[in-house]
Amino acid sequence: MRICIDVQGMQTGSRFRGIGRWVQGLVQGMLRNKGEHEIFLIINGELKESAFAIRKKFQNLLPSDHFIEWHVPAPRAFRE
């Protein structure tokens, strides 16, 4: 089974407390017990510094193609 985990909770000020620490613990536990399952981490690419930190933290546990970055469309001016 392929399992995708949105780790944006680790990309805000919460990464050191609350939901950020909970997401980190969840990911670490799932990676330790993944068996035959594939795990992908979904990262907000707009938050570059924390995206890099997440890749670095889990680089020895996941192949590089299991880090998926998404980007929001660039802001657009309002048009009538």
Protein backbone atom coordinates (compact mmCIF):
# COMPACT_ATOMS: atom_id res chain seq x y z
CA MET A 1 0.00 0.00 0.00
CA ARG A 2 1.14 3.55 -0.68
CA ILE A 3 0.71 5.89 2.25
CA CYS A 4 0.97 9.67 1.83
CA ILE A 5 1.42 11.86 4.89
CA ASP A 6 0.93 15.63 4.77
CA VAL A 7 3.72 16.97 6.99
CA GLN A 8 2.84 20.67 6.79
CA GLY A 9 2.26 20.57 10.55
CA MET A 10 6.04 20.22 10.83
CA GLN A 11 6.59 23.31 8.69
CA THR A 12 5.20 26.04 10.92
CA GLY A 13 6.01 27.37 14.37
CA SER A 14 4.25 24.24 15.68
CA ARG A 15 7.12 22.02 14.57
CA PHE A 16 8.62 22.25 18.07
CA ARG A 17 5.36 21.67 19.94
CA GLY A 18 1.79 20.49 19.53
CA ILE A 19 0.73 19.21 16.14
CA GLY A 20 4.23 19.51 14.66
CA ARG A 21 5.75 17.17 17.24
CA TRP A 22 2.77 14.83 16.90
CA VAL A 23 3.21 14.64 13.10
CA GLN A 24 6.94 14.02 13.50
CA GLY A 25 6.32 11.19 15.97
CA LEU A 26 3.66 9.70 13.70
CA VAL A 27 6.00 9.74 10.69
CA GLN A 28 8.89 8.23 12.66
CA GLY A 29 6.66 5.47 14.03
CA MET A 30 5.18 4.68 10.64
CA LEU A 31 8.63 4.54 9.03
CA ARG A 32 9.87 2.14 11.72
CA ASN A 33 6.89 -0.16 11.17
CA LYS A 34 6.24 0.28 7.44
CA GLY A 35 6.93 -3.30 6.43
CA GLU A 36 6.19 -3.64 2.71
CA HIS A 37 4.26 -0.35 2.54
CA GLU A 38 5.58 2.68 0.65
CA ILE A 39 5.48 5.96 2.56
CA PHE A 40 5.52 9.36 0.87
CA LEU A 41 5.85 12.70 2.65
CA ILE A 42 3.84 15.56 1.17
CA ILE A 43 5.67 18.87 1.77
CA ASN A 44 4.60 22.47 1.18
CA GLY A 45 7.35 23.66 -1.18
CA GLU A 46 6.55 27.32 -0.50
CA LEU A 47 8.05 26.90 2.99
CA LYS A 48 11.55 26.26 1.67
CA GLU A 49 13.57 26.28 4.89
CA SER A 50 11.34 23.78 6.67
CA ALA A 51 10.96 21.68 3.49
CA PHE A 52 14.75 21.32 3.41
CA ALA A 53 14.83 20.46 7.13
CA ILE A 54 12.24 17.69 6.65
CA ARG A 55 14.13 16.20 3.71
CA LYS A 56 17.32 16.26 5.76
CA LYS A 57 15.65 14.71 8.83
CA PHE A 58 14.23 11.75 6.90
CA GLN A 59 16.78 11.39 4.07
CA ASN A 60 18.25 8.19 5.52
CA LEU A 61 14.81 6.62 5.97
CA LEU A 62 13.16 7.38 2.61
CA PRO A 63 14.27 7.44 -1.02
CA SER A 64 14.49 10.96 -2.46
CA ASP A 65 11.51 10.36 -4.77
CA HIS A 66 9.27 9.73 -1.73
CA PHE A 67 9.35 13.44 -0.83
CA ILE A 68 6.59 15.16 -2.79
CA GLU A 69 6.53 18.96 -2.81
CA TRP A 70 3.43 20.87 -3.74
CA HIS A 71 3.24 24.55 -4.60
CA VAL A 72 0.28 26.89 -4.44
CA PRO A 73 -0.46 28.91 -7.56
CA ALA A 74 1.13 32.36 -7.50
CA PRO A 75 -1.17 35.15 -6.30
CA ARG A 76 -3.25 36.72 -9.03
CA ALA A 77 -4.64 40.25 -9.18
CA PHE A 78 -8.39 40.51 -8.79
CA ARG A 79 -10.16 40.98 -12.12
CA GLU A 80 -13.78 41.84 -12.72
